[in-house]
Amino acid sequence: MKLFPLGIVQHLPYSYSDHCPLLLNTEKSVAFIGSKRFHFEAWWTMEESFEGVVKESWESGTRPLMEKLERLQFFLKEWTRAKEKEKEGLKKELTQKLELLLERGS
């Protein structure tokens, strides 16, 4: 199954021919927004702030399910970017400290 901005293309099973029929679904409600596919990351569950991000997003109104899921996806993408920046900064800081300690030891 492939996702496009305007719908979904599905390859259907075939039996007598080497041609594969396609099913095109152009309903906007089933199309995903954005160019990259969204994937849940297991490391998110190990972060203390993860549950709060999910709660904040989910409880922020009485929207239809698909809108809530899209909002949650947006929140998680933004939260992930911030976490990755934070971890990159910590990595640089720790690398500098390690280099300093190694210089002193030699």
PDB file of N, CA and C in Angstrom:
ATOM      1  N   MET A   1       0.852  -1.172   0.000  1.00  0.00           N
ATOM      2  CA  MET A   1       0.000   0.000   0.000  1.00  0.00           C
ATOM      3  C   MET A   1       0.896   1.233   0.000  1.00  0.00           C
ATOM      4  N   LYS A   2       0.590   2.187  -0.863  1.00  0.00           N
ATOM      5  CA  LYS A   2       1.346   3.435  -0.931  1.00  0.00           C
ATOM      6  C   LYS A   2       0.436   4.587  -0.563  1.00  0.00           C
ATOM      7  N   LEU A   3       1.004   5.565   0.154  1.00  0.00           N
ATOM      8  CA  LEU A   3       0.235   6.736   0.581  1.00  0.00           C
ATOM      9  C   LEU A   3       0.591   7.928  -0.296  1.00  0.00           C
ATOM     10  N   PHE A   4      -0.405   8.631  -0.745  1.00  0.00           N
ATOM     11  CA  PHE A   4      -0.217   9.831  -1.539  1.00  0.00           C
ATOM     12  C   PHE A   4      -1.019  10.953  -0.888  1.00  0.00           C
ATOM     13  N   PRO A   5      -0.664  12.211  -1.161  1.00  0.00           N
ATOM     14  CA  PRO A   5      -1.400  13.309  -0.542  1.00  0.00           C
ATOM     15  C   PRO A   5      -2.906  13.270  -0.824  1.00  0.00           C
ATOM     16  N   LEU A   6      -3.304  12.674  -1.918  1.00  0.00           N
ATOM     17  CA  LEU A   6      -4.717  12.685  -2.281  1.00  0.00           C
ATOM     18  C   LEU A   6      -5.414  11.345  -2.060  1.00  0.00           C
ATOM     19  N   GLY A   7      -4.753  10.344  -1.528  1.00  0.00           N
ATOM     20  CA  GLY A   7      -5.419   9.073  -1.301  1.00  0.00           C
ATOM     21  C   GLY A   7      -4.462   7.918  -1.096  1.00  0.00           C
ATOM     22  N   ILE A   8      -4.990   6.702  -1.271  1.00  0.00           N
ATOM     23  CA  ILE A   8      -4.213   5.491  -1.047  1.00  0.00           C
ATOM     24  C   ILE A   8      -4.287   4.612  -2.296  1.00  0.00           C
ATOM     25  N   VAL A   9      -3.150   4.040  -2.692  1.00  0.00           N
ATOM     26  CA  VAL A   9      -3.101   3.089  -3.798  1.00  0.00           C
ATOM     27  C   VAL A   9      -2.765   1.729  -3.203  1.00  0.00           C
ATOM     28  N   GLN A  10      -3.611   0.741  -3.499  1.00  0.00           N
ATOM     29  CA  GLN A  10      -3.401  -0.611  -2.976  1.00  0.00           C
ATOM     30  C   GLN A  10      -3.286  -1.587  -4.133  1.00  0.00           C
ATOM     31  N   HIS A  11      -2.300  -2.499  -4.071  1.00  0.00           N
ATOM     32  CA  HIS A  11      -2.180  -3.578  -5.047  1.00  0.00           C
ATOM     33  C   HIS A  11      -3.076  -4.713  -4.588  1.00  0.00           C
ATOM     34  N   LEU A  12      -3.989  -5.129  -5.443  1.00  0.00           N
ATOM     35  CA  LEU A  12      -4.906  -6.210  -5.097  1.00  0.00           C
ATOM     36  C   LEU A  12      -4.351  -7.545  -5.581  1.00  0.00           C
ATOM     37  N   PRO A  13      -4.780  -8.651  -4.983  1.00  0.00           N
ATOM     38  CA  PRO A  13      -4.293  -9.962  -5.418  1.00  0.00           C
ATOM     39  C   PRO A  13      -4.805 -10.301  -6.824  1.00  0.00           C
ATOM     40  N   TYR A  14      -4.062 -11.134  -7.523  1.00  0.00           N
ATOM     41  CA  TYR A  14      -4.449 -11.564  -8.870  1.00  0.00           C
ATOM     42  C   TYR A  14      -4.240 -13.068  -8.958  1.00  0.00           C
ATOM     43  N   SER A  15      -4.876 -13.691  -9.949  1.00  0.00           N
ATOM     44  CA  SER A  15      -4.729 -15.140 -10.045  1.00  0.00           C
ATOM     45  C   SER A  15      -4.417 -15.614 -11.460  1.00  0.00           C
ATOM     46  N   TYR A  16      -5.108 -15.120 -12.488  1.00  0.00           N
ATOM     47  CA  TYR A  16      -4.937 -15.653 -13.838  1.00  0.00           C
ATOM     48  C   TYR A  16      -3.998 -14.839 -14.714  1.00  0.00           C
ATOM     49  N   SER A  17      -3.646 -13.686 -14.292  1.00  0.00           N
ATOM     50  CA  SER A  17      -2.844 -12.801 -15.121  1.00  0.00           C
ATOM     51  C   SER A  17      -1.614 -12.342 -14.347  1.00  0.00           C
ATOM     52  N   ASP A  18      -0.626 -11.871 -15.088  1.00  0.00           N
ATOM     53  CA  ASP A  18       0.542 -11.308 -14.408  1.00  0.00           C
ATOM     54  C   ASP A  18       0.338  -9.814 -14.124  1.00  0.00           C
ATOM     55  N   HIS A  19      -0.841  -9.287 -14.452  1.00  0.00           N
ATOM     56  CA  HIS A  19      -1.178  -7.899 -14.147  1.00  0.00           C
ATOM     57  C   HIS A  19      -1.784  -7.817 -12.754  1.00  0.00           C
ATOM     58  N   CYS A  20      -1.422  -6.775 -12.047  1.00  0.00           N
ATOM     59  CA  CYS A  20      -1.918  -6.587 -10.679  1.00  0.00           C
ATOM     60  C   CYS A  20      -2.929  -5.447 -10.674  1.00  0.00           C
ATOM     61  N   PRO A  21      -4.177  -5.727 -10.319  1.00  0.00           N
ATOM     62  CA  PRO A  21      -5.160  -4.632 -10.261  1.00  0.00           C
ATOM     63  C   PRO A  21      -4.848  -3.677  -9.110  1.00  0.00           C
ATOM     64  N   LEU A  22      -5.217  -2.433  -9.297  1.00  0.00           N
ATOM     65  CA  LEU A  22      -5.001  -1.410  -8.285  1.00  0.00           C
ATOM     66  C   LEU A  22      -6.341  -0.917  -7.758  1.00  0.00           C
ATOM     67  N   LEU A  23      -6.369  -0.631  -6.472  1.00  0.00           N
ATOM     68  CA  LEU A  23      -7.536  -0.007  -5.859  1.00  0.00           C
ATOM     69  C   LEU A  23      -7.108   1.390  -5.443  1.00  0.00           C
ATOM     70  N   LEU A  24      -7.788   2.398  -5.979  1.00  0.00           N
ATOM     71  CA  LEU A  24      -7.483   3.789  -5.651  1.00  0.00           C
ATOM     72  C   LEU A  24      -8.559   4.314  -4.728  1.00  0.00           C
ATOM     73  N   ASN A  25      -8.160   4.784  -3.553  1.00  0.00           N
ATOM     74  CA  ASN A  25      -9.094   5.371  -2.607  1.00  0.00           C
ATOM     75  C   ASN A  25      -8.735   6.843  -2.492  1.00  0.00           C
ATOM     76  N   THR A  26      -9.628   7.707  -2.926  1.00  0.00           N
ATOM     77  CA  THR A  26      -9.331   9.140  -2.956  1.00  0.00           C
ATOM     78  C   THR A  26     -10.032   9.924  -1.860  1.00  0.00           C
ATOM     79  N   GLU A  27     -10.600   9.232  -0.885  1.00  0.00           N
ATOM     80  CA  GLU A  27     -11.233   9.936   0.230  1.00  0.00           C
ATOM     81  C   GLU A  27     -10.177  10.700   1.010  1.00  0.00           C
ATOM     82  N   LYS A  28     -10.409  11.967   1.254  1.00  0.00           N
ATOM     83  CA  LYS A  28      -9.425  12.780   1.979  1.00  0.00           C
ATOM     84  C   LYS A  28      -9.247  12.330   3.411  1.00  0.00           C
ATOM     85  N   SER A  29     -10.263  11.735   4.011  1.00  0.00           N
ATOM     86  CA  SER A  29     -10.177  11.343   5.417  1.00  0.00           C
ATOM     87  C   SER A  29      -9.174  10.221   5.648  1.00  0.00           C
ATOM     88  N   VAL A  30      -8.817   9.462   4.592  1.00  0.00           N
ATOM     89  CA  VAL A  30      -7.862   8.371   4.780  1.00  0.00           C
ATOM     90  C   VAL A  30      -6.450   8.765   4.386  1.00  0.00           C
ATOM     91  N   ALA A  31      -6.265   9.918   3.788  1.00  0.00           N
ATOM     92  CA  ALA A  31      -4.929  10.345   3.372  1.00  0.00           C
ATOM     93  C   ALA A  31      -4.174  10.908   4.566  1.00  0.00           C
ATOM     94  N   PHE A  32      -2.886  10.623   4.612  1.00  0.00           N
ATOM     95  CA  PHE A  32      -2.046  11.127   5.680  1.00  0.00           C
ATOM     96  C   PHE A  32      -1.415  12.441   5.266  1.00  0.00           C
ATOM     97  N   ILE A  33      -1.214  13.325   6.239  1.00  0.00           N
ATOM     98  CA  ILE A  33      -0.625  14.632   5.974  1.00  0.00           C
ATOM     99  C   ILE A  33       0.884  14.537   6.184  1.00  0.00           C
ATOM    100  N   GLY A  34       1.634  15.185   5.322  1.00  0.00           N
ATOM    101  CA  GLY A  34       3.085  15.214   5.477  1.00  0.00           C
ATOM    102  C   GLY A  34       3.772  14.334   4.459  1.00  0.00           C
ATOM    103  N   SER A  35       5.044  14.579   4.256  1.00  0.00           N
ATOM    104  CA  SER A  35       5.773  13.832   3.243  1.00  0.00           C
ATOM    105  C   SER A  35       6.424  12.578   3.801  1.00  0.00           C
ATOM    106  N   LYS A  36       6.813  12.592   5.064  1.00  0.00           N
ATOM    107  CA  LYS A  36       7.450  11.427   5.660  1.00  0.00           C
ATOM    108  C   LYS A  36       6.424  10.600   6.414  1.00  0.00           C
ATOM    109  N   ARG A  37       6.617   9.322   6.402  1.00  0.00           N
ATOM    110  CA  ARG A  37       5.740   8.443   7.146  1.00  0.00           C
ATOM    111  C   ARG A  37       6.035   8.557   8.627  1.00  0.00           C
ATOM    112  N   PHE A  38       5.017   8.537   9.436  1.00  0.00           N
ATOM    113  CA  PHE A  38       5.170   8.680  10.869  1.00  0.00           C
ATOM    114  C   PHE A  38       5.383   7.310  11.498  1.00  0.00           C
ATOM    115  N   HIS A  39       6.406   7.193  12.326  1.00  0.00           N
ATOM    116  CA  HIS A  39       6.710   5.933  13.017  1.00  0.00           C
ATOM    117  C   HIS A  39       6.841   6.192  14.509  1.00  0.00           C
ATOM    118  N   PHE A  40       6.272   5.308  15.286  1.00  0.00           N
ATOM    119  CA  PHE A  40       6.427   5.365  16.737  1.00  0.00           C
ATOM    120  C   PHE A  40       7.835   4.896  17.081  1.00  0.00           C
ATOM    121  N   GLU A  41       8.513   5.600  17.967  1.00  0.00           N
ATOM    122  CA  GLU A  41       9.865   5.243  18.389  1.00  0.00           C
ATOM    123  C   GLU A  41       9.824   4.676  19.802  1.00  0.00           C
ATOM    124  N   ALA A  42      10.401   3.504  20.004  1.00  0.00           N
ATOM    125  CA  ALA A  42      10.365   2.844  21.310  1.00  0.00           C
ATOM    126  C   ALA A  42      11.055   3.682  22.394  1.00  0.00           C
ATOM    127  N   TRP A  43      12.095   4.434  22.044  1.00  0.00           N
ATOM    128  CA  TRP A  43      12.825   5.212  23.053  1.00  0.00           C
ATOM    129  C   TRP A  43      11.964   6.301  23.679  1.00  0.00           C
ATOM    130  N   TRP A  44      10.877   6.693  22.997  1.00  0.00           N
ATOM    131  CA  TRP A  44       9.999   7.720  23.554  1.00  0.00           C
ATOM    132  C   TRP A  44       9.457   7.299  24.916  1.00  0.00           C
ATOM    133  N   THR A  45       9.133   6.021  25.066  1.00  0.00           N
ATOM    134  CA  THR A  45       8.518   5.540  26.313  1.00  0.00           C
ATOM    135  C   THR A  45       9.481   5.606  27.488  1.00  0.00           C
ATOM    136  N   MET A  46      10.764   5.740  27.213  1.00  0.00           N
ATOM    137  CA  MET A  46      11.768   5.808  28.277  1.00  0.00           C
ATOM    138  C   MET A  46      11.994   7.242  28.760  1.00  0.00           C
ATOM    139  N   GLU A  47      11.421   8.197  28.072  1.00  0.00           N
ATOM    140  CA  GLU A  47      11.563   9.605  28.438  1.00  0.00           C
ATOM    141  C   GLU A  47      10.468   9.985  29.432  1.00  0.00           C
ATOM    142  N   GLU A  48      10.851  10.687  30.488  1.00  0.00           N
ATOM    143  CA  GLU A  48       9.891  11.076  31.525  1.00  0.00           C
ATOM    144  C   GLU A  48       8.768  11.961  30.989  1.00  0.00           C
ATOM    145  N   SER A  49       9.075  12.827  30.056  1.00  0.00           N
ATOM    146  CA  SER A  49       8.084  13.789  29.580  1.00  0.00           C
ATOM    147  C   SER A  49       7.138  13.228  28.519  1.00  0.00           C
ATOM    148  N   PHE A  50       7.364  12.012  28.061  1.00  0.00           N
ATOM    149  CA  PHE A  50       6.552  11.432  26.987  1.00  0.00           C
ATOM    150  C   PHE A  50       5.067  11.374  27.341  1.00  0.00           C
ATOM    151  N   GLU A  51       4.760  10.841  28.502  1.00  0.00           N
ATOM    152  CA  GLU A  51       3.356  10.688  28.901  1.00  0.00           C
ATOM    153  C   GLU A  51       2.644  12.042  28.957  1.00  0.00           C
ATOM    154  N   GLY A  52       3.345  13.048  29.448  1.00  0.00           N
ATOM    155  CA  GLY A  52       2.762  14.390  29.524  1.00  0.00           C
ATOM    156  C   GLY A  52       2.454  14.958  28.148  1.00  0.00           C
ATOM    157  N   VAL A  53       3.337  14.717  27.178  1.00  0.00           N
ATOM    158  CA  VAL A  53       3.110  15.207  25.814  1.00  0.00           C
ATOM    159  C   VAL A  53       1.868  14.548  25.224  1.00  0.00           C
ATOM    160  N   VAL A  54       1.742  13.243  25.419  1.00  0.00           N
ATOM    161  CA  VAL A  54       0.585  12.524  24.890  1.00  0.00           C
ATOM    162  C   VAL A  54      -0.701  13.024  25.559  1.00  0.00           C
ATOM    163  N   LYS A  55      -0.663  13.165  26.878  1.00  0.00           N
ATOM    164  CA  LYS A  55      -1.850  13.644  27.610  1.00  0.00           C
ATOM    165  C   LYS A  55      -2.249  15.045  27.148  1.00  0.00           C
ATOM    166  N   GLU A  56      -1.272  15.929  27.080  1.00  0.00           N
ATOM    167  CA  GLU A  56      -1.556  17.315  26.679  1.00  0.00           C
ATOM    168  C   GLU A  56      -2.204  17.362  25.302  1.00  0.00           C
ATOM    169  N   SER A  57      -1.663  16.599  24.364  1.00  0.00           N
ATOM    170  CA  SER A  57      -2.205  16.576  23.021  1.00  0.00           C
ATOM    171  C   SER A  57      -3.608  15.978  22.997  1.00  0.00           C
ATOM    172  N   TRP A  58      -3.780  14.866  23.654  1.00  0.00           N
ATOM    173  CA  TRP A  58      -5.044  14.120  23.581  1.00  0.00           C
ATOM    174  C   TRP A  58      -6.187  14.844  24.294  1.00  0.00           C
ATOM    175  N   GLU A  59      -5.873  15.531  25.383  1.00  0.00           N
ATOM    176  CA  GLU A  59      -6.920  16.166  26.177  1.00  0.00           C
ATOM    177  C   GLU A  59      -7.150  17.628  25.787  1.00  0.00           C
ATOM    178  N   SER A  60      -6.569  18.060  24.699  1.00  0.00           N
ATOM    179  CA  SER A  60      -6.639  19.476  24.332  1.00  0.00           C
ATOM    180  C   SER A  60      -7.891  19.828  23.522  1.00  0.00           C
ATOM    181  N   GLY A  61      -8.938  19.099  23.664  1.00  0.00           N
ATOM    182  CA  GLY A  61     -10.174  19.449  22.968  1.00  0.00           C
ATOM    183  C   GLY A  61     -11.011  18.226  22.645  1.00  0.00           C
ATOM    184  N   THR A  62     -12.186  18.492  22.113  1.00  0.00           N
ATOM    185  CA  THR A  62     -13.098  17.403  21.757  1.00  0.00           C
ATOM    186  C   THR A  62     -13.202  17.332  20.243  1.00  0.00           C
ATOM    187  N   ARG A  63     -12.122  16.975  19.630  1.00  0.00           N
ATOM    188  CA  ARG A  63     -12.076  16.862  18.175  1.00  0.00           C
ATOM    189  C   ARG A  63     -12.399  15.442  17.752  1.00  0.00           C
ATOM    190  N   PRO A  64     -12.693  15.243  16.461  1.00  0.00           N
ATOM    191  CA  PRO A  64     -12.867  13.869  15.955  1.00  0.00           C
ATOM    192  C   PRO A  64     -11.556  13.085  16.071  1.00  0.00           C
ATOM    193  N   LEU A  65     -11.640  11.782  16.091  1.00  0.00           N
ATOM    194  CA  LEU A  65     -10.483  10.914  16.299  1.00  0.00           C
ATOM    195  C   LEU A  65      -9.336  11.208  15.340  1.00  0.00           C
ATOM    196  N   MET A  66      -9.614  11.329  14.049  1.00  0.00           N
ATOM    197  CA  MET A  66      -8.538  11.559  13.074  1.00  0.00           C
ATOM    198  C   MET A  66      -7.817  12.878  13.344  1.00  0.00           C
ATOM    199  N   GLU A  67      -8.542  13.896  13.740  1.00  0.00           N
ATOM    200  CA  GLU A  67      -7.906  15.176  14.057  1.00  0.00           C
ATOM    201  C   GLU A  67      -7.056  15.061  15.316  1.00  0.00           C
ATOM    202  N   LYS A  68      -7.525  14.300  16.296  1.00  0.00           N
ATOM    203  CA  LYS A  68      -6.738  14.089  17.518  1.00  0.00           C
ATOM    204  C   LYS A  68      -5.443  13.349  17.198  1.00  0.00           C
ATOM    205  N   LEU A  69      -5.532  12.349  16.327  1.00  0.00           N
ATOM    206  CA  LEU A  69      -4.335  11.591  15.950  1.00  0.00           C
ATOM    207  C   LEU A  69      -3.350  12.461  15.183  1.00  0.00           C
ATOM    208  N   GLU A  70      -3.852  13.303  14.279  1.00  0.00           N
ATOM    209  CA  GLU A  70      -2.973  14.205  13.537  1.00  0.00           C
ATOM    210  C   GLU A  70      -2.298  15.201  14.485  1.00  0.00           C
ATOM    211  N   ARG A  71      -3.064  15.699  15.465  1.00  0.00           N
ATOM    212  CA  ARG A  71      -2.505  16.636  16.448  1.00  0.00           C
ATOM    213  C   ARG A  71      -1.442  15.942  17.299  1.00  0.00           C
ATOM    214  N   LEU A  72      -1.716  14.707  17.713  1.00  0.00           N
ATOM    215  CA  LEU A  72      -0.743  13.942  18.494  1.00  0.00           C
ATOM    216  C   LEU A  72       0.534  13.728  17.687  1.00  0.00           C
ATOM    217  N   GLN A  73       0.385  13.399  16.416  1.00  0.00           N
ATOM    218  CA  GLN A  73       1.546  13.216  15.543  1.00  0.00           C
ATOM    219  C   GLN A  73       2.376  14.498  15.495  1.00  0.00           C
ATOM    220  N   PHE A  74       1.723  15.645  15.334  1.00  0.00           N
ATOM    221  CA  PHE A  74       2.421  16.930  15.302  1.00  0.00           C
ATOM    222  C   PHE A  74       3.163  17.179  16.616  1.00  0.00           C
ATOM    223  N   PHE A  75       2.472  16.979  17.757  1.00  0.00           N
ATOM    224  CA  PHE A  75       3.091  17.177  19.069  1.00  0.00           C
ATOM    225  C   PHE A  75       4.323  16.292  19.228  1.00  0.00           C
ATOM    226  N   LEU A  76       4.191  15.021  18.846  1.00  0.00           N
ATOM    227  CA  LEU A  76       5.311  14.083  19.021  1.00  0.00           C
ATOM    228  C   LEU A  76       6.493  14.433  18.123  1.00  0.00           C
ATOM    229  N   LYS A  77       6.224  14.895  16.911  1.00  0.00           N
ATOM    230  CA  LYS A  77       7.326  15.303  16.027  1.00  0.00           C
ATOM    231  C   LYS A  77       8.075  16.495  16.612  1.00  0.00           C
ATOM    232  N   GLU A  78       7.344  17.493  17.119  1.00  0.00           N
ATOM    233  CA  GLU A  78       7.978  18.664  17.717  1.00  0.00           C
ATOM    234  C   GLU A  78       8.757  18.278  18.977  1.00  0.00           C
ATOM    235  N   TRP A  79       8.158  17.448  19.808  1.00  0.00           N
ATOM    236  CA  TRP A  79       8.800  16.990  21.044  1.00  0.00           C
ATOM    237  C   TRP A  79      10.072  16.205  20.723  1.00  0.00           C
ATOM    238  N   THR A  80      10.018  15.360  19.687  1.00  0.00           N
ATOM    239  CA  THR A  80      11.184  14.571  19.289  1.00  0.00           C
ATOM    240  C   THR A  80      12.318  15.474  18.834  1.00  0.00           C
ATOM    241  N   ARG A  81      12.001  16.486  18.031  1.00  0.00           N
ATOM    242  CA  ARG A  81      13.041  17.436  17.579  1.00  0.00           C
ATOM    243  C   ARG A  81      13.728  18.101  18.772  1.00  0.00           C
ATOM    244  N   ALA A  82      12.928  18.528  19.737  1.00  0.00           N
ATOM    245  CA  ALA A  82      13.487  19.191  20.922  1.00  0.00           C
ATOM    246  C   ALA A  82      14.359  18.224  21.719  1.00  0.00           C
ATOM    247  N   LYS A  83      13.905  16.992  21.888  1.00  0.00           N
ATOM    248  CA  LYS A  83      14.677  15.980  22.631  1.00  0.00           C
ATOM    249  C   LYS A  83      15.991  15.676  21.931  1.00  0.00           C
ATOM    250  N   GLU A  84      15.954  15.554  20.605  1.00  0.00           N
ATOM    251  CA  GLU A  84      17.175  15.250  19.852  1.00  0.00           C
ATOM    252  C   GLU A  84      18.180  16.389  19.953  1.00  0.00           C
ATOM    253  N   LYS A  85      17.697  17.640  19.923  1.00  0.00           N
ATOM    254  CA  LYS A  85      18.594  18.798  20.103  1.00  0.00           C
ATOM    255  C   LYS A  85      19.218  18.766  21.491  1.00  0.00           C
ATOM    256  N   GLU A  86      18.376  18.479  22.476  1.00  0.00           N
ATOM    257  CA  GLU A  86      18.838  18.411  23.864  1.00  0.00           C
ATOM    258  C   GLU A  86      19.911  17.328  24.013  1.00  0.00           C
ATOM    259  N   LYS A  87      19.688  16.168  23.430  1.00  0.00           N
ATOM    260  CA  LYS A  87      20.648  15.065  23.529  1.00  0.00           C
ATOM    261  C   LYS A  87      21.944  15.376  22.778  1.00  0.00           C
ATOM    262  N   GLU A  88      21.814  16.060  21.643  1.00  0.00           N
ATOM    263  CA  GLU A  88      23.007  16.434  20.883  1.00  0.00           C
ATOM    264  C   GLU A  88      23.859  17.412  21.691  1.00  0.00           C
ATOM    265  N   GLY A  89      23.216  18.369  22.349  1.00  0.00           N
ATOM    266  CA  GLY A  89      23.944  19.319  23.197  1.00  0.00           C
ATOM    267  C   GLY A  89      24.634  18.616  24.349  1.00  0.00           C
ATOM    268  N   LEU A  90      23.952  17.680  24.986  1.00  0.00           N
ATOM    269  CA  LEU A  90      24.540  16.918  26.084  1.00  0.00           C
ATOM    270  C   LEU A  90      25.718  16.076  25.591  1.00  0.00           C
ATOM    271  N   LYS A  91      25.576  15.496  24.409  1.00  0.00           N
ATOM    272  CA  LYS A  91      26.659  14.686  23.835  1.00  0.00           C
ATOM    273  C   LYS A  91      27.909  15.548  23.598  1.00  0.00           C
ATOM    274  N   LYS A  92      27.719  16.749  23.038  1.00  0.00           N
ATOM    275  CA  LYS A  92      28.855  17.649  22.804  1.00  0.00           C
ATOM    276  C   LYS A  92      29.527  18.025  24.124  1.00  0.00           C
ATOM    277  N   GLU A  93      28.715  18.356  25.113  1.00  0.00           N
ATOM    278  CA  GLU A  93      29.245  18.746  26.421  1.00  0.00           C
ATOM    279  C   GLU A  93      30.051  17.604  27.045  1.00  0.00           C
ATOM    280  N   LEU A  94      29.509  16.405  27.010  1.00  0.00           N
ATOM    281  CA  LEU A  94      30.204  15.251  27.598  1.00  0.00           C
ATOM    282  C   LEU A  94      31.473  14.889  26.822  1.00  0.00           C
ATOM    283  N   THR A  95      31.433  15.050  25.508  1.00  0.00           N
ATOM    284  CA  THR A  95      32.620  14.786  24.687  1.00  0.00           C
ATOM    285  C   THR A  95      33.733  15.767  25.030  1.00  0.00           C
ATOM    286  N   GLN A  96      33.378  17.042  25.211  1.00  0.00           N
ATOM    287  CA  GLN A  96      34.377  18.050  25.585  1.00  0.00           C
ATOM    288  C   GLN A  96      34.979  17.744  26.955  1.00  0.00           C
ATOM    289  N   LYS A  97      34.142  17.357  27.901  1.00  0.00           N
ATOM    290  CA  LYS A  97      34.638  17.015  29.238  1.00  0.00           C
ATOM    291  C   LYS A  97      35.555  15.804  29.183  1.00  0.00           C
ATOM    292  N   LEU A  98      35.196  14.810  28.389  1.00  0.00           N
ATOM    293  CA  LEU A  98      36.025  13.610  28.250  1.00  0.00           C
ATOM    294  C   LEU A  98      37.377  13.959  27.641  1.00  0.00           C
ATOM    295  N   GLU A  99      37.373  14.794  26.609  1.00  0.00           N
ATOM    296  CA  GLU A  99      38.625  15.211  25.979  1.00  0.00           C
ATOM    297  C   GLU A  99      39.512  15.951  26.978  1.00  0.00           C
ATOM    298  N   LEU A 100      38.908  16.804  27.779  1.00  0.00           N
ATOM    299  CA  LEU A 100      39.643  17.546  28.809  1.00  0.00           C
ATOM    300  C   LEU A 100      40.260  16.585  29.819  1.00  0.00           C
ATOM    301  N   LEU A 101      39.511  15.616  30.265  1.00  0.00           N
ATOM    302  CA  LEU A 101      40.009  14.620  31.231  1.00  0.00           C
ATOM    303  C   LEU A 101      41.134  13.784  30.619  1.00  0.00           C
ATOM    304  N   LEU A 102      40.996  13.422  29.352  1.00  0.00           N
ATOM    305  CA  LEU A 102      42.032  12.645  28.683  1.00  0.00           C
ATOM    306  C   LEU A 102      43.326  13.449  28.522  1.00  0.00           C
ATOM    307  N   GLU A 103      43.208  14.761  28.262  1.00  0.00           N
ATOM    308  CA  GLU A 103      44.372  15.620  28.140  1.00  0.00           C
ATOM    309  C   GLU A 103      45.118  15.727  29.472  1.00  0.00           C
ATOM    310  N   ARG A 104      44.346  15.844  30.546  1.00  0.00           N
ATOM    311  CA  ARG A 104      44.965  15.964  31.872  1.00  0.00           C
ATOM    312  C   ARG A 104      45.662  14.673  32.287  1.00  0.00           C
ATOM    313  N   GLY A 105      45.106  13.535  31.861  1.00  0.00           N
ATOM    314  CA  GLY A 105      45.645  12.244  32.250  1.00  0.00           C
ATOM    315  C   GLY A 105      46.935  11.874  31.520  1.00  0.00           C
ATOM    316  N   SER A 106      47.205  12.471  30.375  1.00  0.00           N
ATOM    317  CA  SER A 106      48.400  12.093  29.615  1.00  0.00           C
ATOM    318  C   SER A 106      49.573  12.982  29.811  1.00  0.00           C
TER     319      SER A 106
END
